[in-house]
Amino acid sequence: MRMIHPGPRHPDRAQTRRADLLPIAGVLPAGQSVMQAVGDLFAAHGCKGGTLSLAGLVCDPMRYVLPAPATDGLHAAWYSDTHAPAGPWTLESASASIGWRDGAPFLHCHGIWSDGTTRAMGHLLPFDSIIARDTPVTGLGARETWFEALPDPETAFTLFTPEGADHGAGLFARIRPGEDVVSAIEALAARHGMTDARLHGVGSIDHIRFAEGHRMDCHATELRLDGARLAAGRAHIPIEVVDIHGHIARGTLTRGENPVGVTLELIFEPTEDHP
């Protein structure tokens, strides 16, 4: 069964802001929460929003949640209880969208992590996960464009939404529930005159169909784009994803069969030349 959200369907199925993107690079220091360190890094670059790879980061303690069925009679999905595994865990691959919530820096991160014997994936809790060793990281930032966590009547969640300036070669985007991921990305690119780009993002898909032939039959998932790109206007979208049982899958999304679950937030990083 597909997700049914509680609120009225918003007529605009995608929201965007153009952005001037610049590279972000620095070291996240041991002893700080992931949120504090990332917020300081973006502040040092004068950036309010962007995307960051947290691959290689070691956390101890490590805290995260999985997607879960909703039990409140309102939301279409929710989160599990907090997972609090013992010992240091290394983020093997992790993507974070950076923005603001309630007047302070905030991030939304999905990734895969391991303690050396066990691997897991989920939604990182950045205030509760503490960096165990200094780690270099890289990403993209924007000084005048960002994601703002805002109440969303359609889903009853508070979700990252593009805000700020609307100029530049890059693009911040949010795609709403029910929209096919591949088709929506291509439509956004065409609308903004973009043909070639690297795509960064996190979100959810309601029942997943992969081009390689496998599938994930679960309404509530947490995913990250994994080397996704736009080439000559066509989207190629590999992902890593976890379901409510903690099962992890990888694969490339098929066109027309992968509706957004709750949200998909994206940054388009153009790779073609611009005048």
C-alpha atoms as a PDB file:
ATOM      1  CA  MET A   1       0.000   0.000   0.000  1.00  0.00           C
ATOM      2  CA  ARG A   2       1.297   3.442  -0.911  1.00  0.00           C
ATOM      3  CA  MET A   3       1.721   6.245   1.631  1.00  0.00           C
ATOM      4  CA  ILE A   4      -1.322   8.382   2.328  1.00  0.00           C
ATOM      5  CA  HIS A   5      -0.379  11.702   3.896  1.00  0.00           C
ATOM      6  CA  PRO A   6      -2.783  13.545   6.214  1.00  0.00           C
ATOM      7  CA  GLY A   7      -2.799  17.042   4.747  1.00  0.00           C
ATOM      8  CA  PRO A   8      -3.955  18.678   1.515  1.00  0.00           C
ATOM      9  CA  ARG A   9      -1.888  17.979  -1.562  1.00  0.00           C
ATOM     10  CA  HIS A  10       0.287  20.982  -2.348  1.00  0.00           C
ATOM     11  CA  PRO A  11      -0.169  22.131  -5.969  1.00  0.00           C
ATOM     12  CA  ASP A  12       3.561  22.762  -6.448  1.00  0.00           C
ATOM     13  CA  ARG A  13       5.191  19.328  -6.448  1.00  0.00           C
ATOM     14  CA  ALA A  14       8.751  20.633  -6.327  1.00  0.00           C
ATOM     15  CA  GLN A  15      10.369  23.689  -4.781  1.00  0.00           C
ATOM     16  CA  THR A  16      13.670  25.126  -5.972  1.00  0.00           C
ATOM     17  CA  ARG A  17      16.165  27.958  -5.461  1.00  0.00           C
ATOM     18  CA  ARG A  18      19.140  28.652  -7.685  1.00  0.00           C
ATOM     19  CA  ALA A  19      22.445  28.872  -5.815  1.00  0.00           C
ATOM     20  CA  ASP A  20      26.040  29.950  -6.211  1.00  0.00           C
ATOM     21  CA  LEU A  21      27.909  26.874  -4.990  1.00  0.00           C
ATOM     22  CA  LEU A  22      31.419  26.863  -3.588  1.00  0.00           C
ATOM     23  CA  PRO A  23      33.643  24.066  -2.286  1.00  0.00           C
ATOM     24  CA  ILE A  24      33.669  23.252   1.420  1.00  0.00           C
ATOM     25  CA  ALA A  25      36.691  21.548   2.994  1.00  0.00           C
ATOM     26  CA  GLY A  26      37.919  21.247   6.544  1.00  0.00           C
ATOM     27  CA  VAL A  27      38.507  19.004   9.534  1.00  0.00           C
ATOM     28  CA  LEU A  28      35.759  18.026  11.951  1.00  0.00           C
ATOM     29  CA  PRO A  29      37.433  17.925  15.386  1.00  0.00           C
ATOM     30  CA  ALA A  30      37.253  15.113  17.905  1.00  0.00           C
ATOM     31  CA  GLY A  31      35.131  15.718  20.976  1.00  0.00           C
ATOM     32  CA  GLN A  32      32.411  17.773  19.313  1.00  0.00           C
ATOM     33  CA  SER A  33      28.963  16.631  18.273  1.00  0.00           C
ATOM     34  CA  VAL A  34      28.559  16.139  14.549  1.00  0.00           C
ATOM     35  CA  MET A  35      26.107  19.037  14.499  1.00  0.00           C
ATOM     36  CA  GLN A  36      28.423  21.455  16.297  1.00  0.00           C
ATOM     37  CA  ALA A  37      31.407  20.591  14.090  1.00  0.00           C
ATOM     38  CA  VAL A  38      29.490  20.815  10.824  1.00  0.00           C
ATOM     39  CA  GLY A  39      27.803  24.059  11.862  1.00  0.00           C
ATOM     40  CA  ASP A  40      31.191  25.580  12.708  1.00  0.00           C
ATOM     41  CA  LEU A  41      32.683  24.408   9.405  1.00  0.00           C
ATOM     42  CA  PHE A  42      29.926  26.024   7.355  1.00  0.00           C
ATOM     43  CA  ALA A  43      30.093  29.201   9.431  1.00  0.00           C
ATOM     44  CA  ALA A  44      33.850  29.389   8.784  1.00  0.00           C
ATOM     45  CA  HIS A  45      33.120  29.324   5.051  1.00  0.00           C
ATOM     46  CA  GLY A  46      30.356  31.909   5.395  1.00  0.00           C
ATOM     47  CA  CYS A  47      27.793  29.403   4.120  1.00  0.00           C
ATOM     48  CA  LYS A  48      24.220  28.861   5.321  1.00  0.00           C
ATOM     49  CA  GLY A  49      23.412  25.698   3.387  1.00  0.00           C
ATOM     50  CA  GLY A  50      24.789  22.927   1.253  1.00  0.00           C
ATOM     51  CA  THR A  51      25.806  19.289   1.255  1.00  0.00           C
ATOM     52  CA  LEU A  52      28.624  17.409   2.953  1.00  0.00           C
ATOM     53  CA  SER A  53      30.066  13.910   2.708  1.00  0.00           C
ATOM     54  CA  LEU A  54      30.717  12.476   6.166  1.00  0.00           C
ATOM     55  CA  ALA A  55      32.451   9.329   4.891  1.00  0.00           C
ATOM     56  CA  GLY A  56      35.335   8.352   7.161  1.00  0.00           C
ATOM     57  CA  LEU A  57      33.932  10.042  10.272  1.00  0.00           C
ATOM     58  CA  VAL A  58      34.237   7.967  13.457  1.00  0.00           C
ATOM     59  CA  CYS A  59      31.626   8.479  16.177  1.00  0.00           C
ATOM     60  CA  ASP A  60      31.636   7.301  19.782  1.00  0.00           C
ATOM     61  CA  PRO A  61      28.914   7.363  20.915  1.00  0.00           C
ATOM     62  CA  MET A  62      26.973   6.731  17.717  1.00  0.00           C
ATOM     63  CA  ARG A  63      23.224   7.366  17.662  1.00  0.00           C
ATOM     64  CA  TYR A  64      20.751   6.856  14.837  1.00  0.00           C
ATOM     65  CA  VAL A  65      17.194   5.844  13.976  1.00  0.00           C
ATOM     66  CA  LEU A  66      15.547   3.723  11.285  1.00  0.00           C
ATOM     67  CA  PRO A  67      12.360   4.462   9.396  1.00  0.00           C
ATOM     68  CA  ALA A  68       9.324   2.946  11.085  1.00  0.00           C
ATOM     69  CA  PRO A  69       5.558   2.673  10.726  1.00  0.00           C
ATOM     70  CA  ALA A  70       3.636   5.528  12.301  1.00  0.00           C
ATOM     71  CA  THR A  71       1.564   4.773  15.394  1.00  0.00           C
ATOM     72  CA  ASP A  72       0.026   8.209  16.008  1.00  0.00           C
ATOM     73  CA  GLY A  73      -2.806   7.924  13.482  1.00  0.00           C
ATOM     74  CA  LEU A  74      -1.518  11.019  11.694  1.00  0.00           C
ATOM     75  CA  HIS A  75       1.794  10.519   9.922  1.00  0.00           C
ATOM     76  CA  ALA A  76       2.269   8.090   7.040  1.00  0.00           C
ATOM     77  CA  ALA A  77       5.574   6.930   8.575  1.00  0.00           C
ATOM     78  CA  TRP A  78       7.775   7.743  11.546  1.00  0.00           C
ATOM     79  CA  TYR A  79      11.079   6.847  13.200  1.00  0.00           C
ATOM     80  CA  SER A  80      12.241   3.899  15.279  1.00  0.00           C
ATOM     81  CA  ASP A  81      13.473   4.153  18.830  1.00  0.00           C
ATOM     82  CA  THR A  82      17.058   5.405  19.027  1.00  0.00           C
ATOM     83  CA  HIS A  83      19.739   2.843  18.214  1.00  0.00           C
ATOM     84  CA  ALA A  84      22.662   3.238  20.647  1.00  0.00           C
ATOM     85  CA  PRO A  85      25.325   0.667  19.748  1.00  0.00           C
ATOM     86  CA  ALA A  86      28.423   0.373  21.916  1.00  0.00           C
ATOM     87  CA  GLY A  87      31.890   1.437  20.857  1.00  0.00           C
ATOM     88  CA  PRO A  88      33.197   3.515  17.949  1.00  0.00           C
ATOM     89  CA  TRP A  89      31.442   3.317  14.580  1.00  0.00           C
ATOM     90  CA  THR A  90      32.871   4.490  11.261  1.00  0.00           C
ATOM     91  CA  LEU A  91      30.679   6.146   8.664  1.00  0.00           C
ATOM     92  CA  GLU A  92      31.472   4.269   5.453  1.00  0.00           C
ATOM     93  CA  SER A  93      29.265   6.471   3.292  1.00  0.00           C
ATOM     94  CA  ALA A  94      27.056   9.302   4.461  1.00  0.00           C
ATOM     95  CA  SER A  95      25.433  12.348   2.895  1.00  0.00           C
ATOM     96  CA  ALA A  96      24.280  15.357   4.873  1.00  0.00           C
ATOM     97  CA  SER A  97      22.049  18.213   3.734  1.00  0.00           C
ATOM     98  CA  ILE A  98      22.943  21.355   5.654  1.00  0.00           C
ATOM     99  CA  GLY A  99      20.554  24.158   6.560  1.00  0.00           C
ATOM    100  CA  TRP A 100      18.770  25.800   9.472  1.00  0.00           C
ATOM    101  CA  ARG A 101      16.055  24.985  11.988  1.00  0.00           C
ATOM    102  CA  ASP A 102      14.658  27.294  14.664  1.00  0.00           C
ATOM    103  CA  GLY A 103      17.374  29.884  14.092  1.00  0.00           C
ATOM    104  CA  ALA A 104      20.338  27.502  14.373  1.00  0.00           C
ATOM    105  CA  PRO A 105      22.329  25.284  11.986  1.00  0.00           C
ATOM    106  CA  PHE A 106      20.772  21.896  11.334  1.00  0.00           C
ATOM    107  CA  LEU A 107      21.540  18.883   9.164  1.00  0.00           C
ATOM    108  CA  HIS A 108      19.782  15.850   7.726  1.00  0.00           C
ATOM    109  CA  CYS A 109      22.087  12.843   7.233  1.00  0.00           C
ATOM    110  CA  HIS A 110      21.578   9.296   5.955  1.00  0.00           C
ATOM    111  CA  GLY A 111      24.438   6.837   5.725  1.00  0.00           C
ATOM    112  CA  ILE A 112      25.985   3.429   6.253  1.00  0.00           C
ATOM    113  CA  TRP A 113      28.213   2.786   9.274  1.00  0.00           C
ATOM    114  CA  SER A 114      30.180  -0.093  10.750  1.00  0.00           C
ATOM    115  CA  ASP A 115      31.953  -1.125  13.941  1.00  0.00           C
ATOM    116  CA  GLY A 116      34.244  -3.442  11.981  1.00  0.00           C
ATOM    117  CA  THR A 117      32.005  -6.505  12.200  1.00  0.00           C
ATOM    118  CA  THR A 118      28.449  -5.189  11.869  1.00  0.00           C
ATOM    119  CA  ARG A 119      27.113  -2.784   9.261  1.00  0.00           C
ATOM    120  CA  ALA A 120      23.983  -0.676   9.621  1.00  0.00           C
ATOM    121  CA  MET A 121      22.266   2.195   7.862  1.00  0.00           C
ATOM    122  CA  GLY A 122      19.898   4.873   9.033  1.00  0.00           C
ATOM    123  CA  HIS A 123      19.208   8.498   9.887  1.00  0.00           C
ATOM    124  CA  LEU A 124      22.068   9.969  11.950  1.00  0.00           C
ATOM    125  CA  LEU A 125      21.220  11.889  15.129  1.00  0.00           C
ATOM    126  CA  PRO A 126      23.806  14.680  14.817  1.00  0.00           C
ATOM    127  CA  PHE A 127      23.404  16.242  18.269  1.00  0.00           C
ATOM    128  CA  ASP A 128      23.884  12.879  20.012  1.00  0.00           C
ATOM    129  CA  SER A 129      26.707  11.428  17.886  1.00  0.00           C
ATOM    130  CA  ILE A 130      30.168  12.568  19.045  1.00  0.00           C
ATOM    131  CA  ILE A 131      33.239  12.692  16.795  1.00  0.00           C
ATOM    132  CA  ALA A 132      35.967  10.349  18.068  1.00  0.00           C
ATOM    133  CA  ARG A 133      38.896  11.577  15.939  1.00  0.00           C
ATOM    134  CA  ASP A 134      39.751  14.549  13.758  1.00  0.00           C
ATOM    135  CA  THR A 135      38.403  13.852  10.259  1.00  0.00           C
ATOM    136  CA  PRO A 136      38.770  15.764   6.972  1.00  0.00           C
ATOM    137  CA  VAL A 137      35.524  16.277   5.042  1.00  0.00           C
ATOM    138  CA  THR A 138      34.467  17.931   1.791  1.00  0.00           C
ATOM    139  CA  GLY A 139      31.247  19.220   0.280  1.00  0.00           C
ATOM    140  CA  LEU A 140      29.505  22.172  -1.295  1.00  0.00           C
ATOM    141  CA  GLY A 141      28.122  25.296   0.312  1.00  0.00           C
ATOM    142  CA  ALA A 142      26.103  28.378  -0.584  1.00  0.00           C
ATOM    143  CA  ARG A 143      26.280  31.728   1.164  1.00  0.00           C
ATOM    144  CA  GLU A 144      22.825  33.019   0.235  1.00  0.00           C
ATOM    145  CA  THR A 145      20.763  29.856  -0.370  1.00  0.00           C
ATOM    146  CA  TRP A 146      19.975  27.148   2.159  1.00  0.00           C
ATOM    147  CA  PHE A 147      17.505  24.521   3.365  1.00  0.00           C
ATOM    148  CA  GLU A 148      15.140  25.744   6.081  1.00  0.00           C
ATOM    149  CA  ALA A 149      13.242  23.238   8.252  1.00  0.00           C
ATOM    150  CA  LEU A 150       9.619  24.330   7.902  1.00  0.00           C
ATOM    151  CA  PRO A 151       6.260  22.792   8.862  1.00  0.00           C
ATOM    152  CA  ASP A 152       4.725  20.921   5.936  1.00  0.00           C
ATOM    153  CA  PRO A 153       0.918  20.607   6.167  1.00  0.00           C
ATOM    154  CA  GLU A 154       0.751  17.881   3.524  1.00  0.00           C
ATOM    155  CA  THR A 155       2.909  15.383   5.466  1.00  0.00           C
ATOM    156  CA  ALA A 156       2.652  16.891   8.990  1.00  0.00           C
ATOM    157  CA  PHE A 157       6.466  16.743   9.180  1.00  0.00           C
ATOM    158  CA  THR A 158       8.934  19.598   9.525  1.00  0.00           C
ATOM    159  CA  LEU A 159      10.996  19.331   6.340  1.00  0.00           C
ATOM    160  CA  PHE A 160      13.992  20.972   4.698  1.00  0.00           C
ATOM    161  CA  THR A 161      12.767  23.460   2.077  1.00  0.00           C
ATOM    162  CA  PRO A 162      14.935  25.639  -0.210  1.00  0.00           C
ATOM    163  CA  GLU A 163      15.084  29.254   0.934  1.00  0.00           C
ATOM    164  CA  GLY A 164      17.116  32.395   0.340  1.00  0.00           C
ATOM    165  CA  ALA A 165      18.574  33.809  -2.857  1.00  0.00           C
ATOM    166  CA  ASP A 166      17.450  32.452  -6.222  1.00  0.00           C
ATOM    167  CA  HIS A 167      20.422  32.972  -8.525  1.00  0.00           C
ATOM    168  CA  GLY A 168      23.489  31.018  -9.573  1.00  0.00           C
ATOM    169  CA  ALA A 169      24.412  27.951 -11.595  1.00  0.00           C
ATOM    170  CA  GLY A 170      23.551  25.402  -8.882  1.00  0.00           C
ATOM    171  CA  LEU A 171      20.157  24.358  -7.616  1.00  0.00           C
ATOM    172  CA  PHE A 172      18.649  23.475  -4.235  1.00  0.00           C
ATOM    173  CA  ALA A 173      15.464  21.410  -4.626  1.00  0.00           C
ATOM    174  CA  ARG A 174      12.814  19.573  -2.676  1.00  0.00           C
ATOM    175  CA  ILE A 175      10.534  17.047  -4.399  1.00  0.00           C
ATOM    176  CA  ARG A 176       7.198  16.287  -2.761  1.00  0.00           C
ATOM    177  CA  PRO A 177       5.509  12.921  -2.081  1.00  0.00           C
ATOM    178  CA  GLY A 178       4.293  10.726  -4.906  1.00  0.00           C
ATOM    179  CA  GLU A 179       6.472  12.257  -7.617  1.00  0.00           C
ATOM    180  CA  ASP A 180       8.617   9.801  -9.561  1.00  0.00           C
ATOM    181  CA  VAL A 181      12.233  10.503  -8.617  1.00  0.00           C
ATOM    182  CA  VAL A 182      13.878  10.062 -12.022  1.00  0.00           C
ATOM    183  CA  SER A 183      11.197  11.923 -13.980  1.00  0.00           C
ATOM    184  CA  ALA A 184      10.987  14.763 -11.452  1.00  0.00           C
ATOM    185  CA  ILE A 185      14.753  15.306 -11.451  1.00  0.00           C
ATOM    186  CA  GLU A 186      14.809  15.451 -15.239  1.00  0.00           C
ATOM    187  CA  ALA A 187      11.869  17.856 -15.300  1.00  0.00           C
ATOM    188  CA  LEU A 188      13.556  20.176 -12.795  1.00  0.00           C
ATOM    189  CA  ALA A 189      16.777  20.125 -14.785  1.00  0.00           C
ATOM    190  CA  ALA A 190      14.944  20.947 -18.019  1.00  0.00           C
ATOM    191  CA  ARG A 191      13.012  23.759 -16.332  1.00  0.00           C
ATOM    192  CA  HIS A 192      16.268  25.342 -15.198  1.00  0.00           C
ATOM    193  CA  GLY A 193      18.212  24.761 -18.402  1.00  0.00           C
ATOM    194  CA  MET A 194      20.561  22.214 -16.834  1.00  0.00           C
ATOM    195  CA  THR A 195      21.797  19.192 -18.787  1.00  0.00           C
ATOM    196  CA  ASP A 196      24.801  17.815 -16.883  1.00  0.00           C
ATOM    197  CA  ALA A 197      25.269  17.739 -13.120  1.00  0.00           C
ATOM    198  CA  ARG A 198      26.311  15.755 -10.107  1.00  0.00           C
ATOM    199  CA  LEU A 199      23.348  15.129  -7.801  1.00  0.00           C
ATOM    200  CA  HIS A 200      23.573  15.098  -4.004  1.00  0.00           C
ATOM    201  CA  GLY A 201      20.699  14.316  -1.689  1.00  0.00           C
ATOM    202  CA  VAL A 202      18.801  12.330   0.904  1.00  0.00           C
ATOM    203  CA  GLY A 203      15.160  11.384   1.299  1.00  0.00           C
ATOM    204  CA  SER A 204      12.732   8.491   1.046  1.00  0.00           C
ATOM    205  CA  ILE A 205      10.966   6.405  -1.605  1.00  0.00           C
ATOM    206  CA  ASP A 206       7.719   4.503  -1.194  1.00  0.00           C
ATOM    207  CA  HIS A 207       8.439   0.932  -2.436  1.00  0.00           C
ATOM    208  CA  ILE A 208      11.584   0.851  -4.555  1.00  0.00           C
ATOM    209  CA  ARG A 209      12.200  -0.700  -7.961  1.00  0.00           C
ATOM    210  CA  PHE A 210      15.779  -1.066  -9.180  1.00  0.00           C
ATOM    211  CA  ALA A 211      16.965  -1.257 -12.767  1.00  0.00           C
ATOM    212  CA  GLU A 212      19.070  -4.286 -11.822  1.00  0.00           C
ATOM    213  CA  GLY A 213      15.841  -6.225 -11.161  1.00  0.00           C
ATOM    214  CA  HIS A 214      15.604  -6.292  -7.366  1.00  0.00           C
ATOM    215  CA  ARG A 215      13.182  -4.297  -5.226  1.00  0.00           C
ATOM    216  CA  MET A 216      12.525  -3.064  -1.701  1.00  0.00           C
ATOM    217  CA  ASP A 217       8.884  -3.585  -0.791  1.00  0.00           C
ATOM    218  CA  CYS A 218       8.560  -1.152   2.098  1.00  0.00           C
ATOM    219  CA  HIS A 219       6.667   2.134   2.341  1.00  0.00           C
ATOM    220  CA  ALA A 220       9.104   3.752   4.799  1.00  0.00           C
ATOM    221  CA  THR A 221      12.747   3.989   3.723  1.00  0.00           C
ATOM    222  CA  GLU A 222      15.777   6.227   4.244  1.00  0.00           C
ATOM    223  CA  LEU A 223      18.126   6.735   1.298  1.00  0.00           C
ATOM    224  CA  ARG A 224      21.119   8.662   0.047  1.00  0.00           C
ATOM    225  CA  LEU A 225      22.108   9.302  -3.546  1.00  0.00           C
ATOM    226  CA  ASP A 226      25.309   7.410  -4.350  1.00  0.00           C
ATOM    227  CA  GLY A 227      27.092   8.868  -7.370  1.00  0.00           C
ATOM    228  CA  ALA A 228      23.874  10.099  -8.980  1.00  0.00           C
ATOM    229  CA  ARG A 229      24.243  12.294 -12.028  1.00  0.00           C
ATOM    230  CA  LEU A 230      22.494  14.063 -14.860  1.00  0.00           C
ATOM    231  CA  ALA A 231      23.995  13.525 -18.327  1.00  0.00           C
ATOM    232  CA  ALA A 232      22.577  15.162 -21.453  1.00  0.00           C
ATOM    233  CA  GLY A 233      19.358  15.760 -19.525  1.00  0.00           C
ATOM    234  CA  ARG A 234      18.933  12.119 -18.461  1.00  0.00           C
ATOM    235  CA  ALA A 235      19.089  11.145 -14.788  1.00  0.00           C
ATOM    236  CA  HIS A 236      21.089   8.132 -13.600  1.00  0.00           C
ATOM    237  CA  ILE A 237      20.227   7.626  -9.917  1.00  0.00           C
ATOM    238  CA  PRO A 238      22.124   4.991  -7.898  1.00  0.00           C
ATOM    239  CA  ILE A 239      21.136   4.939  -4.228  1.00  0.00           C
ATOM    240  CA  GLU A 240      21.861   3.266  -0.912  1.00  0.00           C
ATOM    241  CA  VAL A 241      18.735   2.650   1.160  1.00  0.00           C
ATOM    242  CA  VAL A 242      17.491   1.014   4.350  1.00  0.00           C
ATOM    243  CA  ASP A 243      13.989  -0.213   5.274  1.00  0.00           C
ATOM    244  CA  ILE A 244      12.124  -0.502   8.570  1.00  0.00           C
ATOM    245  CA  HIS A 245      13.802  -3.867   9.319  1.00  0.00           C
ATOM    246  CA  GLY A 246      17.328  -2.530   8.827  1.00  0.00           C
ATOM    247  CA  HIS A 247      17.794  -4.264   5.486  1.00  0.00           C
ATOM    248  CA  ILE A 248      20.212  -2.353   3.237  1.00  0.00           C
ATOM    249  CA  ALA A 249      19.982  -2.299  -0.554  1.00  0.00           C
ATOM    250  CA  ARG A 250      21.896  -0.646  -3.389  1.00  0.00           C
ATOM    251  CA  GLY A 251      20.894  -0.123  -6.982  1.00  0.00           C
ATOM    252  CA  THR A 252      19.857   2.262  -9.728  1.00  0.00           C
ATOM    253  CA  LEU A 253      16.319   3.640  -9.759  1.00  0.00           C
ATOM    254  CA  THR A 254      14.007   2.754 -12.621  1.00  0.00           C
ATOM    255  CA  ARG A 255      12.105   5.511 -14.353  1.00  0.00           C
ATOM    256  CA  GLY A 256       8.412   5.883 -13.510  1.00  0.00           C
ATOM    257  CA  GLU A 257       8.329   3.405 -10.611  1.00  0.00           C
ATOM    258  CA  ASN A 258       9.855   5.194  -7.627  1.00  0.00           C
ATOM    259  CA  PRO A 259       7.570   7.742  -5.949  1.00  0.00           C
ATOM    260  CA  VAL A 260       8.972   9.998  -3.252  1.00  0.00           C
ATOM    261  CA  GLY A 261       7.766   8.846   0.168  1.00  0.00           C
ATOM    262  CA  VAL A 262       7.941  11.891   2.465  1.00  0.00           C
ATOM    263  CA  THR A 263      10.540  14.122   0.812  1.00  0.00           C
ATOM    264  CA  LEU A 264      13.611  14.186  -1.384  1.00  0.00           C
ATOM    265  CA  GLU A 265      16.007  17.093  -0.928  1.00  0.00           C
ATOM    266  CA  LEU A 266      18.633  17.639  -3.597  1.00  0.00           C
ATOM    267  CA  ILE A 267      21.500  19.814  -4.691  1.00  0.00           C
ATOM    268  CA  PHE A 268      22.286  19.939  -8.406  1.00  0.00           C
ATOM    269  CA  GLU A 269      25.997  20.654  -8.967  1.00  0.00           C
ATOM    270  CA  PRO A 270      26.352  21.581 -12.662  1.00  0.00           C
ATOM    271  CA  THR A 271      29.221  20.040 -14.590  1.00  0.00           C
ATOM    272  CA  GLU A 272      28.553  21.736 -17.931  1.00  0.00           C
ATOM    273  CA  ASP A 273      29.958  25.155 -18.784  1.00  0.00           C
ATOM    274  CA  HIS A 274      27.813  28.201 -18.046  1.00  0.00           C
ATOM    275  CA  PRO A 275      28.140  31.626 -19.673  1.00  0.00           C
END
